Amino acid sequence: MAISIKTPKDIEGMRVANHIVALTLDGVEKLIKPGVSLLELDKFCEKSILEHGAKPAFKGLYGFPNTACISVNEVVIHGIPSSYKLKEGDIVTIDIGSKINGYFGDSARTFGVGKISEQDEKLIACSKDALYFGIEKVKAGMHFKELSFAIENFIRDRGFVPLLGFCGHGIGRSAHEEPEIPNYLEGPNPKSGPKIRNGMVFCIEPMICQKDGTPSVDKDKWSTRSVDGLNTAHYEHCVAVINGKAEILSK
């Protein structure tokens, strides 16, 4: 399946959807403190997205039951919001999507709850810094595998490892489109496979584990953690390739 090239009109439509996601993440960050339940955070996200005229993109997507993926501590992605109340020292990732006028937006951030450990601060910084490193690395004409390889090397140089088996992705009039963009090199040659071109829109999302990137999916068939059982972090932006470079839409 070919990677779609978006028109300027498409990109502006996606900018609106992603702006709503960014505003919602800004808002929910203010609520994160000890004693707040994951369902309260999810409820805020849904209310915010709806108030901005959009629909929650994840609710019902592939059967996911809630608006936000909320992943605590060792759960890296796809956590289902529950009655669990955040505790001092937890780290929590909120990943949300919106849909408006047929266009999708998608972004994620990891937050500390109160005072967190120095190791968790480094973990979160690695995910965030790897994301912005990857965004700066994007150039029209390079292979997507070159981007994946660069992000993997950045993560490993920080002493962490990428989650295996999950990836960033194209986005547009569907929540997930071609291509898949792992945070590691698949195969021996980074200068192979599809190339990045102007007009492509995709999500870059470093998912960071501490020792072992092998995933383990819980009995709920969603919550995904590393087999090492250690805390994890996840940051994501949606970007459009404009004039040869990546422009962040989810801000």
Foldseek 3Di string as FASTA:
>chain_A
DDFDFADPVQLVQQLLFLQLVLVLVVVLLVVFAFFDFQVNSQVSSQVSLVVSVWGWQPPCVVHQHTSWQKAKFQFQTQHRTDRDTDDQAIKIKIWTKIADPLFIFIKMAIDHHHDHDPVVVLQRCLFVVLQVVLQQPFFFPFALLVSLAVSQVSQVVSQWGFAPPAFKAFTTSHRHDDDGRHNHHDDDDSRDDDTHHARTKIKGKTKIGHPANYWDADPVRGGIGGPVSGTITMTMFIWGQHPGGTDTSND
